[in-house]
């Protein structure tokens, strides 16, 4: 799970090559948990969770997550509360290597762009 969480923003960006709309849908989702070989992605909004279930989008997402995890995965979606989404978002935020910047990101949210 942590490999997918840490790579989430890269996974999402990489899917733009497949379909330019996918990153916009996945921006509202974060890896929640893995049970067996099923990765559940928690979404803040039901509409995003439903649209990601479209076969073409889901197949691309499964392929990207499986490649990152190194093991075959299935993907399910769930709708989560604001609080849970905020916690999931923090887990997907890669550390910057700068303690002050990491603390600011923890307090204020956001992300560092390359």
C-alpha atoms as a PDB file:
ATOM      1  CA  UNK A   1       0.000   0.000   0.000  1.00  0.00           C
ATOM      2  CA  UNK A   2       2.725   2.466   0.900  1.00  0.00           C
ATOM      3  CA  UNK A   3       4.396   1.988  -2.513  1.00  0.00           C
ATOM      4  CA  UNK A   4       1.161   2.951  -4.254  1.00  0.00           C
ATOM      5  CA  UNK A   5       0.487   5.825  -1.831  1.00  0.00           C
ATOM      6  CA  UNK A   6       3.948   7.328  -2.253  1.00  0.00           C
ATOM      7  CA  UNK A   7       3.720   6.996  -6.040  1.00  0.00           C
ATOM      8  CA  UNK A   8       0.095   8.136  -6.311  1.00  0.00           C
ATOM      9  CA  UNK A   9       0.731  11.529  -7.925  1.00  0.00           C
ATOM     10  CA  UNK A  10       3.074   9.915 -10.464  1.00  0.00           C
ATOM     11  CA  UNK A  11       0.533   7.192 -11.230  1.00  0.00           C
ATOM     12  CA  UNK A  12      -2.181   9.798 -11.770  1.00  0.00           C
ATOM     13  CA  UNK A  13       0.035  11.976 -13.977  1.00  0.00           C
ATOM     14  CA  UNK A  14       1.121   8.973 -16.034  1.00  0.00           C
ATOM     15  CA  UNK A  15      -2.479   8.072 -16.832  1.00  0.00           C
ATOM     16  CA  UNK A  16      -2.879  11.360 -18.721  1.00  0.00           C
ATOM     17  CA  UNK A  17      -1.132   9.635 -21.642  1.00  0.00           C
ATOM     18  CA  UNK A  18      -3.995   7.144 -21.740  1.00  0.00           C
ATOM     19  CA  UNK A  19      -6.835   9.655 -21.348  1.00  0.00           C
ATOM     20  CA  UNK A  20      -6.512  13.334 -20.424  1.00  0.00           C
ATOM     21  CA  UNK A  21      -9.631  13.218 -18.210  1.00  0.00           C
ATOM     22  CA  UNK A  22      -8.338  10.492 -15.874  1.00  0.00           C
ATOM     23  CA  UNK A  23      -6.063  12.718 -13.751  1.00  0.00           C
ATOM     24  CA  UNK A  24      -8.950  15.088 -13.063  1.00  0.00           C
ATOM     25  CA  UNK A  25     -11.098  12.219 -11.805  1.00  0.00           C
ATOM     26  CA  UNK A  26      -8.306  10.653  -9.758  1.00  0.00           C
ATOM     27  CA  UNK A  27      -7.329  13.946  -8.123  1.00  0.00           C
ATOM     28  CA  UNK A  28     -10.350  13.356  -5.889  1.00  0.00           C
ATOM     29  CA  UNK A  29      -9.192   9.873  -4.854  1.00  0.00           C
ATOM     30  CA  UNK A  30      -6.423   8.372  -2.739  1.00  0.00           C
ATOM     31  CA  UNK A  31      -5.378   4.754  -2.064  1.00  0.00           C
ATOM     32  CA  UNK A  32      -7.215   3.698   1.087  1.00  0.00           C
ATOM     33  CA  UNK A  33      -6.243   0.083   1.774  1.00  0.00           C
ATOM     34  CA  UNK A  34      -5.324  -3.234   0.226  1.00  0.00           C
ATOM     35  CA  UNK A  35      -7.139  -6.379   1.282  1.00  0.00           C
ATOM     36  CA  UNK A  36      -5.752  -9.468  -0.400  1.00  0.00           C
ATOM     37  CA  UNK A  37      -5.216  -8.328  -3.973  1.00  0.00           C
ATOM     38  CA  UNK A  38      -7.913  -5.614  -3.912  1.00  0.00           C
ATOM     39  CA  UNK A  39      -6.812  -1.979  -3.738  1.00  0.00           C
ATOM     40  CA  UNK A  40      -9.579   0.307  -2.514  1.00  0.00           C
ATOM     41  CA  UNK A  41      -9.353   3.936  -3.554  1.00  0.00           C
ATOM     42  CA  UNK A  42     -11.233   6.372  -1.348  1.00  0.00           C
ATOM     43  CA  UNK A  43     -12.948   9.254  -3.125  1.00  0.00           C
ATOM     44  CA  UNK A  44     -14.319  12.425  -1.661  1.00  0.00           C
ATOM     45  CA  UNK A  45     -17.182  12.551  -4.187  1.00  0.00           C
ATOM     46  CA  UNK A  46     -19.488   9.758  -5.334  1.00  0.00           C
ATOM     47  CA  UNK A  47     -19.498  11.024  -8.934  1.00  0.00           C
ATOM     48  CA  UNK A  48     -15.714  10.586  -9.231  1.00  0.00           C
ATOM     49  CA  UNK A  49     -15.882   7.104  -7.698  1.00  0.00           C
ATOM     50  CA  UNK A  50     -18.575   6.083 -10.179  1.00  0.00           C
ATOM     51  CA  UNK A  51     -16.804   7.517 -13.245  1.00  0.00           C
ATOM     52  CA  UNK A  52     -13.555   5.702 -12.371  1.00  0.00           C
ATOM     53  CA  UNK A  53     -15.488   2.414 -12.557  1.00  0.00           C
ATOM     54  CA  UNK A  54     -15.882   2.860 -16.344  1.00  0.00           C
ATOM     55  CA  UNK A  55     -14.074  -0.105 -17.940  1.00  0.00           C
ATOM     56  CA  UNK A  56     -11.507   1.887 -19.955  1.00  0.00           C
ATOM     57  CA  UNK A  57     -10.536   4.058 -16.981  1.00  0.00           C
ATOM     58  CA  UNK A  58     -10.549   1.180 -14.508  1.00  0.00           C
ATOM     59  CA  UNK A  59      -8.383  -1.005 -16.773  1.00  0.00           C
ATOM     60  CA  UNK A  60      -5.776   1.763 -17.149  1.00  0.00           C
ATOM     61  CA  UNK A  61      -5.789   2.405 -13.395  1.00  0.00           C
ATOM     62  CA  UNK A  62      -5.421  -1.302 -12.592  1.00  0.00           C
ATOM     63  CA  UNK A  63      -2.472  -1.618 -14.977  1.00  0.00           C
ATOM     64  CA  UNK A  64      -0.710   1.427 -13.474  1.00  0.00           C
ATOM     65  CA  UNK A  65      -1.267   0.370  -9.854  1.00  0.00           C
ATOM     66  CA  UNK A  66      -0.269  -3.234 -10.561  1.00  0.00           C
ATOM     67  CA  UNK A  67       2.952  -2.055 -12.199  1.00  0.00           C
ATOM     68  CA  UNK A  68       3.771   0.140  -9.196  1.00  0.00           C
ATOM     69  CA  UNK A  69       2.861  -2.481  -6.572  1.00  0.00           C
ATOM     70  CA  UNK A  70       4.678  -5.273  -8.413  1.00  0.00           C
ATOM     71  CA  UNK A  71       1.777  -7.670  -7.903  1.00  0.00           C
ATOM     72  CA  UNK A  72      -1.558  -8.128  -9.717  1.00  0.00           C
ATOM     73  CA  UNK A  73      -4.266  -5.963  -8.168  1.00  0.00           C
ATOM     74  CA  UNK A  74      -7.959  -5.368  -8.612  1.00  0.00           C
ATOM     75  CA  UNK A  75      -9.310  -1.890  -7.865  1.00  0.00           C
ATOM     76  CA  UNK A  76     -12.484  -0.925  -6.040  1.00  0.00           C
ATOM     77  CA  UNK A  77     -13.739   2.535  -5.156  1.00  0.00           C
ATOM     78  CA  UNK A  78     -15.354   3.884  -2.020  1.00  0.00           C
ATOM     79  CA  UNK A  79     -16.678   7.247  -0.894  1.00  0.00           C
ATOM     80  CA  UNK A  80     -15.010   8.569   2.267  1.00  0.00           C
ATOM     81  CA  UNK A  81     -15.625  11.425   4.669  1.00  0.00           C
ATOM     82  CA  UNK A  82     -13.750  14.724   4.460  1.00  0.00           C
ATOM     83  CA  UNK A  83     -11.702  13.766   7.526  1.00  0.00           C
ATOM     84  CA  UNK A  84     -10.702  10.391   6.126  1.00  0.00           C
ATOM     85  CA  UNK A  85      -9.844  11.887   2.738  1.00  0.00           C
ATOM     86  CA  UNK A  86      -7.613  14.456   4.439  1.00  0.00           C
ATOM     87  CA  UNK A  87      -5.793  11.657   6.280  1.00  0.00           C
ATOM     88  CA  UNK A  88      -5.378   9.651   3.059  1.00  0.00           C
ATOM     89  CA  UNK A  89      -4.105  12.736   1.271  1.00  0.00           C
ATOM     90  CA  UNK A  90      -1.403  13.198   3.916  1.00  0.00           C
ATOM     91  CA  UNK A  91      -0.245   9.592   3.408  1.00  0.00           C
ATOM     92  CA  UNK A  92       0.160  10.194  -0.328  1.00  0.00           C
ATOM     93  CA  UNK A  93       2.231  13.339   0.093  1.00  0.00           C
ATOM     94  CA  UNK A  94       5.878  12.504  -0.575  1.00  0.00           C
ATOM     95  CA  UNK A  95       8.381  13.977   1.891  1.00  0.00           C
ATOM     96  CA  UNK A  96      10.383  16.909   0.548  1.00  0.00           C
ATOM     97  CA  UNK A  97      13.521  16.165   2.573  1.00  0.00           C
ATOM     98  CA  UNK A  98      13.176  19.556   4.240  1.00  0.00           C
ATOM     99  CA  UNK A  99      11.750  19.334   7.774  1.00  0.00           C
ATOM    100  CA  UNK A 100      10.310  22.872   7.670  1.00  0.00           C
ATOM    101  CA  UNK A 101       8.654  22.322   4.280  1.00  0.00           C
ATOM    102  CA  UNK A 102       7.281  18.950   5.400  1.00  0.00           C
ATOM    103  CA  UNK A 103       5.802  20.547   8.530  1.00  0.00           C
ATOM    104  CA  UNK A 104       4.230  23.356   6.478  1.00  0.00           C
ATOM    105  CA  UNK A 105       2.692  20.833   4.087  1.00  0.00           C
ATOM    106  CA  UNK A 106       1.332  18.858   7.036  1.00  0.00           C
ATOM    107  CA  UNK A 107      -0.279  21.958   8.560  1.00  0.00           C
ATOM    108  CA  UNK A 108      -1.454  23.784   5.442  1.00  0.00           C
ATOM    109  CA  UNK A 109      -1.806  20.957   2.905  1.00  0.00           C
ATOM    110  CA  UNK A 110      -0.864  21.273  -0.742  1.00  0.00           C
ATOM    111  CA  UNK A 111       2.064  19.722  -2.510  1.00  0.00           C
ATOM    112  CA  UNK A 112       5.465  20.660  -3.865  1.00  0.00           C
ATOM    113  CA  UNK A 113       5.736  20.846  -7.640  1.00  0.00           C
ATOM    114  CA  UNK A 114       8.896  19.942  -9.516  1.00  0.00           C
END
